Protein backbone atom coordinates (compact mmCIF):
# COMPACT_ATOMS: atom_id res chain seq x y z
CA UNK A 1 0.40 15.88 -38.24
CA UNK A 2 2.53 13.65 -36.01
CA UNK A 3 4.14 16.65 -34.34
CA UNK A 4 0.74 18.09 -33.63
CA UNK A 5 -0.32 14.87 -31.94
CA UNK A 6 2.78 14.93 -29.74
CA UNK A 7 2.18 18.52 -28.65
CA UNK A 8 -1.60 18.74 -28.56
CA UNK A 9 -2.45 15.36 -27.10
CA UNK A 10 -0.09 16.07 -24.22
CA UNK A 11 -2.60 18.76 -23.27
CA UNK A 12 -3.49 19.49 -19.67
CA UNK A 13 -6.62 17.96 -18.22
CA UNK A 14 -6.13 18.57 -14.46
CA UNK A 15 -7.33 19.27 -13.14
CA UNK A 16 -37.79 4.51 -2.57
CA UNK A 17 -39.36 2.34 -0.93
CA UNK A 18 -40.14 2.60 2.82
CA UNK A 19 -37.73 1.05 5.27
CA UNK A 20 -37.96 -2.60 6.13
CA UNK A 21 -37.00 -4.47 9.28
CA UNK A 22 -33.53 -5.86 9.63
CA UNK A 23 -33.13 -9.28 8.00
CA UNK A 24 -32.91 -12.31 10.28
CA UNK A 25 -29.45 -13.67 11.08
CA UNK A 26 -28.17 -16.33 8.69
CA UNK A 27 -29.09 -19.93 9.47
CA UNK A 28 -26.04 -21.90 10.51
CA UNK A 29 -27.53 -25.39 10.50
CA UNK A 30 -26.38 -28.00 8.05
CA UNK A 31 -28.30 -28.54 4.85
CA UNK A 32 -30.07 -25.17 5.04
CA UNK A 33 -29.95 -22.69 2.14
CA UNK A 34 -28.47 -19.27 3.01
CA UNK A 35 -30.80 -16.34 3.52
CA UNK A 36 -31.27 -13.70 0.81
CA UNK A 37 -28.75 -11.28 2.41
CA UNK A 38 -26.30 -14.17 2.58
CA UNK A 39 -26.69 -14.78 -1.15
CA UNK A 40 -26.02 -11.10 -1.84
CA UNK A 41 -22.91 -11.20 0.34
CA UNK A 42 -21.66 -14.24 -1.53
CA UNK A 43 -22.25 -12.62 -4.93
CA UNK A 44 -20.84 -9.21 -4.14
CA UNK A 45 -18.23 -10.39 -1.65
CA UNK A 46 -18.18 -6.76 -0.55
CA UNK A 47 -19.70 -4.79 2.31
CA UNK A 48 -21.98 -1.81 1.74
CA UNK A 49 -22.90 0.79 4.39
CA UNK A 50 -25.05 -0.78 7.03
CA UNK A 51 -24.98 -4.24 5.47
CA UNK A 52 -25.10 -6.82 8.27
CA UNK A 53 -22.34 -9.37 8.28
CA UNK A 54 -21.61 -12.00 10.93
CA UNK A 55 -17.90 -11.52 10.28
CA UNK A 56 -17.81 -7.72 10.25
CA UNK A 57 -17.24 -5.43 7.25
CA UNK A 58 -15.82 -7.10 4.16
CA UNK A 59 -14.19 -5.43 1.20
CA UNK A 60 -13.16 -8.47 -0.81
CA UNK A 61 -13.80 -9.36 -4.44
CA UNK A 62 -15.76 -12.09 -6.11
CA UNK A 63 -13.97 -14.46 -8.47
CA UNK A 64 -15.47 -12.86 -11.58
CA UNK A 65 -14.28 -9.43 -10.50
CA UNK A 66 -10.78 -10.69 -9.79
CA UNK A 67 -10.64 -12.39 -13.18
CA UNK A 68 -11.83 -9.19 -14.84
CA UNK A 69 -9.13 -7.20 -13.03
CA UNK A 70 -6.49 -9.69 -14.12
CA UNK A 71 -7.67 -9.57 -17.74
CA UNK A 72 -7.84 -5.77 -17.90
CA UNK A 73 -4.47 -5.45 -16.17
CA UNK A 74 -2.82 -7.88 -18.57
CA UNK A 75 -4.23 -6.12 -21.62
CA UNK A 76 -3.03 -2.73 -20.36
CA UNK A 77 0.42 -4.08 -19.50
CA UNK A 78 0.81 -5.45 -23.03
CA UNK A 79 -0.35 -2.19 -24.62
CA UNK A 80 1.90 0.05 -22.51
CA UNK A 81 4.89 -2.19 -23.27
CA UNK A 82 4.41 -2.34 -27.05
CA UNK A 83 2.39 0.81 -27.90
CA UNK A 84 5.27 2.44 -29.79
CA UNK A 85 5.60 -0.66 -32.00
CA UNK A 86 1.96 -0.62 -33.09
CA UNK A 87 0.46 0.89 -36.20
CA UNK A 88 0.71 4.61 -36.88
CA UNK A 89 -2.58 6.04 -38.10
CA UNK A 90 -3.98 9.49 -38.78
CA UNK A 91 -4.65 12.05 -36.05
CA UNK A 92 -8.39 11.54 -35.66
CA UNK A 93 -8.10 7.75 -35.70
CA UNK A 94 -5.60 8.07 -32.87
CA UNK A 95 -8.03 10.25 -30.94
CA UNK A 96 -10.87 7.79 -31.54
CA UNK A 97 -8.71 4.91 -30.29
CA UNK A 98 -7.71 6.76 -27.14
CA UNK A 99 -11.23 8.00 -26.36
CA UNK A 100 -13.21 4.86 -27.19
CA UNK A 101 -10.74 2.07 -26.41
CA UNK A 102 -7.80 2.93 -24.17
CA UNK A 103 -9.48 5.33 -21.74
CA UNK A 104 -12.47 3.05 -21.06
CA UNK A 105 -10.15 0.11 -20.40
CA UNK A 106 -8.01 2.15 -18.00
CA UNK A 107 -11.01 3.46 -16.06
CA UNK A 108 -12.53 -0.01 -15.97
CA UNK A 109 -9.92 -0.63 -13.28
CA UNK A 110 -11.56 2.01 -11.07
CA UNK A 111 -15.00 0.52 -11.68
CA UNK A 112 -13.79 -2.96 -10.81
CA UNK A 113 -12.35 -1.89 -7.44
CA UNK A 114 -15.55 -0.13 -6.32
CA UNK A 115 -16.19 -2.75 -3.58
CA UNK A 116 -13.29 -1.29 -1.55
CA UNK A 117 -14.69 2.26 -1.51
CA UNK A 118 -15.40 2.09 2.24
CA UNK A 119 -12.45 -0.06 3.31
CA UNK A 120 -10.40 1.02 6.30
CA UNK A 121 -6.95 2.50 5.83
CA UNK A 122 -7.56 4.05 2.41
CA UNK A 123 -5.67 7.22 3.35
CA UNK A 124 -2.54 5.24 4.19
CA UNK A 125 -2.94 3.11 1.08
CA UNK A 126 -3.26 6.22 -1.07
CA UNK A 127 -0.17 7.84 0.47
CA UNK A 128 1.79 4.62 0.03
CA UNK A 129 0.95 4.57 -3.68
CA UNK A 130 1.96 8.24 -3.95
CA UNK A 131 5.37 7.31 -2.55
CA UNK A 132 5.59 4.31 -4.87
CA UNK A 133 4.73 6.47 -7.88
CA UNK A 134 7.51 8.91 -6.93
CA UNK A 135 10.06 6.09 -6.64
CA UNK A 136 9.01 4.53 -9.96
CA UNK A 137 9.08 7.90 -11.72
CA UNK A 138 12.56 8.59 -10.39
CA UNK A 139 13.69 5.16 -11.57
CA UNK A 140 12.46 5.82 -15.10
CA UNK A 141 9.58 3.32 -14.91
CA UNK A 142 6.95 5.73 -16.16
CA UNK A 143 4.46 3.06 -17.20
CA UNK A 144 4.33 1.51 -13.74
CA UNK A 145 4.33 4.96 -12.16
CA UNK A 146 1.20 5.77 -14.19
CA UNK A 147 -0.80 3.03 -12.53
CA UNK A 148 0.61 3.81 -9.10
CA UNK A 149 -0.78 7.32 -9.57
CA UNK A 150 -4.15 5.91 -10.61
CA UNK A 151 -4.22 3.62 -7.56
CA UNK A 152 -3.21 6.50 -5.28
CA UNK A 153 -5.88 8.87 -6.57
CA UNK A 154 -8.54 6.17 -6.49
CA UNK A 155 -7.79 5.28 -2.86
CA UNK A 156 -7.65 8.95 -1.83
CA UNK A 157 -10.88 9.68 -3.71
CA UNK A 158 -12.69 6.83 -1.95
CA UNK A 159 -11.32 8.04 1.40
CA UNK A 160 -12.35 11.65 0.66
CA UNK A 161 -15.92 10.54 -0.03
CA UNK A 162 -16.25 9.19 3.54
CA UNK A 163 -16.55 12.82 4.71
CA UNK A 164 -19.54 13.55 2.48
CA UNK A 165 -22.45 13.10 4.88
CA UNK A 166 -25.11 13.81 2.26
CA UNK A 167 -25.48 13.75 -1.49
CA UNK A 168 -25.79 17.55 -1.44
CA UNK A 169 -22.07 17.80 -0.74
CA UNK A 170 -21.38 15.83 -3.92
CA UNK A 171 -23.63 18.16 -5.92
CA UNK A 172 -21.86 21.18 -4.43
CA UNK A 173 -18.43 19.80 -5.34
CA UNK A 174 -19.63 19.00 -8.86
CA UNK A 175 -20.75 22.63 -9.21
CA UNK A 176 -17.58 24.23 -7.83
CA UNK A 177 -14.64 22.25 -9.22
CA UNK A 178 -15.32 23.10 -12.91
CA UNK A 179 -14.89 26.80 -12.10
CA UNK A 180 -11.68 26.22 -10.16
CA UNK A 181 -10.28 23.90 -12.82
CA UNK A 182 -11.14 26.24 -15.69
CA UNK A 183 -9.45 29.17 -13.96
CA UNK A 184 -6.36 27.07 -13.17
CA UNK A 185 -5.98 25.88 -16.77
CA UNK A 186 -6.64 29.21 -18.48
CA UNK A 187 -5.24 31.78 -16.07
CA UNK A 188 -3.79 29.99 -13.05
CA UNK A 189 -0.95 27.65 -12.03
CA UNK A 190 -1.84 24.80 -14.40
CA UNK A 191 -1.34 27.04 -17.42
CA UNK A 192 2.08 28.07 -16.12
CA UNK A 193 3.09 24.45 -15.48
CA UNK A 194 1.95 23.25 -18.91
CA UNK A 195 3.64 26.05 -20.85
CA UNK A 196 6.74 26.73 -18.74
CA UNK A 197 7.47 23.61 -16.65
CA UNK A 198 6.31 20.70 -18.72
CA UNK A 199 8.34 18.13 -16.79
CA UNK A 200 6.27 18.90 -13.68
CA UNK A 201 3.06 18.43 -15.63
CA UNK A 202 4.29 15.07 -16.93
CA UNK A 203 5.06 13.96 -13.38
CA UNK A 204 1.64 15.05 -12.09
CA UNK A 205 -0.41 13.43 -14.83
CA UNK A 206 -1.48 10.06 -16.18
CA UNK A 207 -0.30 9.26 -19.71
CA UNK A 208 -2.35 7.50 -22.40
CA UNK A 209 0.24 6.49 -25.04
CA UNK A 210 -0.55 7.11 -28.69
CA UNK A 211 -0.13 3.93 -30.76
CA UNK A 212 2.92 3.91 -32.99
CA UNK A 213 4.46 7.08 -31.51
CA UNK A 214 6.45 8.32 -28.55
CA UNK A 215 3.61 10.64 -27.54
CA UNK A 216 0.68 10.59 -25.19
CA UNK A 217 -2.50 12.30 -24.07
CA UNK A 218 -2.32 13.25 -20.40
CA UNK A 219 -4.85 13.72 -17.62
CA UNK A 220 -3.89 15.55 -14.46
CA UNK A 221 -4.04 13.64 -11.18
CA UNK A 222 -6.95 15.79 -9.86
CA UNK A 223 -9.06 14.41 -12.72
CA UNK A 224 -8.34 10.87 -11.51
CA UNK A 225 -9.19 11.86 -7.94
CA UNK A 226 -12.62 13.30 -8.73
CA UNK A 227 -13.42 10.46 -11.11
CA UNK A 228 -13.06 8.13 -8.12
CA UNK A 229 -15.06 10.45 -5.84
CA UNK A 230 -18.02 10.72 -8.21
CA UNK A 231 -18.04 7.04 -9.12
CA UNK A 232 -17.96 5.91 -5.47
CA UNK A 233 -20.71 8.44 -4.70
CA UNK A 234 -23.01 6.61 -7.09
CA UNK A 235 -22.66 3.49 -4.94
CA UNK A 236 -22.93 5.25 -1.59
CA UNK A 237 -26.00 7.28 -2.53
CA UNK A 238 -27.71 4.62 -4.69
CA UNK A 239 -27.35 6.43 -8.01
CA UNK A 240 -26.34 4.88 -11.35
CA UNK A 241 -22.78 3.46 -11.32
CA UNK A 242 -22.64 1.95 -14.84
CA UNK A 243 -24.13 4.95 -16.66
CA UNK A 244 -22.08 7.41 -14.61
CA UNK A 245 -18.87 5.51 -15.34
CA UNK A 246 -19.65 5.45 -19.06
CA UNK A 247 -20.48 9.17 -19.37
CA UNK A 248 -17.56 10.30 -17.22
CA UNK A 249 -15.12 8.18 -19.23
CA UNK A 250 -16.47 9.55 -22.50
CA UNK A 251 -16.21 13.10 -21.11
CA UNK A 252 -12.42 12.76 -20.98
CA UNK A 253 -12.29 11.66 -24.62
CA UNK A 254 -14.57 14.53 -25.60
CA UNK A 255 -12.35 17.06 -23.85
CA UNK A 256 -9.29 15.62 -25.59
CA UNK A 257 -10.98 15.82 -28.99
CA UNK A 258 -12.01 19.45 -28.35
CA UNK A 259 -8.43 20.33 -27.38
CA UNK A 260 -7.15 18.93 -30.68
CA UNK A 261 -9.93 20.52 -32.73
CA UNK A 262 -9.40 23.95 -31.14
CA UNK A 263 -5.61 23.51 -31.27
CA UNK A 264 -5.52 24.48 -27.60
CA UNK A 265 -2.52 23.96 -25.34
CA UNK A 266 -4.89 22.36 -22.86
CA UNK A 267 -8.51 22.28 -21.78
CA UNK A 268 -9.90 21.64 -18.29
CA UNK A 269 -11.35 18.14 -17.94
CA UNK A 270 -13.29 18.58 -14.69
CA UNK A 271 -16.16 20.60 -16.23
CA UNK A 272 -17.00 17.72 -18.57
CA UNK A 273 -16.56 15.20 -15.74
CA UNK A 274 -18.94 17.09 -13.46
CA UNK A 275 -21.53 17.53 -16.21
CA UNK A 276 -21.38 13.80 -16.98
CA UNK A 277 -21.98 12.92 -13.31
CA UNK A 278 -24.90 15.34 -13.00
CA UNK A 279 -26.52 14.32 -16.29
CA UNK A 280 -26.30 10.58 -15.49
CA UNK A 281 -28.08 11.08 -12.17
CA UNK A 282 -30.06 14.28 -12.76
CA UNK A 283 -33.54 12.95 -11.91
CA UNK A 284 -32.42 11.21 -8.72
CA UNK A 285 -30.51 14.25 -7.52
CA UNK A 286 -33.38 16.58 -8.37
CA UNK A 287 -35.86 14.46 -6.43
CA UNK A 288 -33.57 14.50 -3.41
CA UNK A 289 -33.31 18.29 -3.53
CA UNK A 290 -37.08 18.69 -3.95
CA UNK A 291 -37.85 16.41 -1.03
CA UNK A 292 -35.37 18.18 1.14
CA UNK A 293 -33.91 14.80 2.04
CA UNK A 294 -30.93 12.85 0.87
CA UNK A 295 -30.47 9.56 -0.96
CA UNK A 296 -30.86 7.64 1.29
CA UNK A 297 -31.17 9.23 4.77
CA UNK A 298 -32.74 6.24 6.52
CA UNK A 299 -32.20 2.48 6.32
CA UNK A 300 -33.94 1.17 3.24
CA UNK A 301 -34.27 -2.18 1.58
CA UNK A 302 -33.48 -2.28 -2.10
CA UNK A 303 -32.27 -4.60 -4.75
CA UNK A 304 -28.61 -5.29 -5.27
CA UNK A 305 -26.51 -2.36 -6.42
CA UNK A 306 -26.54 -1.87 -10.20
CA UNK A 307 -23.23 -2.79 -11.70
CA UNK A 308 -22.06 -4.62 -8.60
CA UNK A 309 -21.77 -8.22 -9.81
CA UNK A 310 -25.38 -8.35 -11.03
CA UNK A 311 -26.97 -9.04 -7.65
CA UNK A 312 -30.07 -7.08 -8.63
CA UNK A 313 -30.85 -9.62 -11.34
CA UNK A 314 -31.47 -12.20 -8.63
CA UNK A 315 -33.91 -9.95 -6.79
CA UNK A 316 -32.01 -10.18 -3.52
CA UNK A 317 -32.34 -7.49 -0.88
CA UNK A 318 -29.53 -5.75 0.91
CA UNK A 319 -29.76 -3.30 3.80
CA UNK A 320 -28.35 0.10 2.89
CA UNK A 321 -27.53 3.05 5.11
CA UNK A 322 -25.63 6.29 4.69
CA UNK A 323 -23.64 7.31 7.73
CA UNK A 324 -20.55 9.37 8.31
CA UNK A 325 -17.59 7.10 8.65
CA UNK A 326 -14.71 7.95 10.99
CA UNK A 327 -11.33 8.87 9.62
CA UNK A 328 -9.60 5.87 8.19
């Protein structure tokens, strides 16, 4: 049973409302309450496409988001340090823990850094984290290297999304990558790497340690990349960030459980990821395709972005546009 966890869990998973006029500039006089856009800026502390700001684009974090990042990071650091000393349970309890506890906590990091999806310099940041991951891996610091890989793929995924001018490109990618990933895992290079060159697969994957064992479930770095692409797309194109994050995270756990149940060497994770993205936003994407327009293709006024610090609960408005951003 334990041996099967060590071998199977290390499986390969690579991978509308009409427009409104621009809001008035914020009042700078003393004793005056900030305008509605100013309240949104203070809550989100992040800049969305087309959002006016007297100080230029901002990609900072609110205090609650920073505290959440610190809490999640601390919990993950403790688990990765002491996972082998924890309880050792049966196979399916281990799978349930990884799918319903560890994976959601890890991918909460990506959700929490969504405000920086359009920051400048993401390509350089991503490449810097790639280099850092290589150095940490060489130095035997696999745990730290894991999160350097996650940071690298998240930054590169956010940067990659800047070239998607319309939501149709996201739909096209979601339709194509499952085919490519499935071929790679079953007949292509990923299968060869997993079966013949396992050390390369370990280097090019993110490990989720099994409690009480020196074993892990692994996701390939392409899976991390497209997770970031799809999640950032939900913000850019005004889809459903919280639901999309939840379904995509659960898709990884489902793929892992299927790999164990089928006793497969590895299963592709991108088909489940793409299905989760499309299912979470199916009606919005379908309406966009039927209209022959994109979401959105003109400046629109809408409530604060769902999942982005709860600004929508205050009923504040924020100007949103979709434009093609220059190379970062």
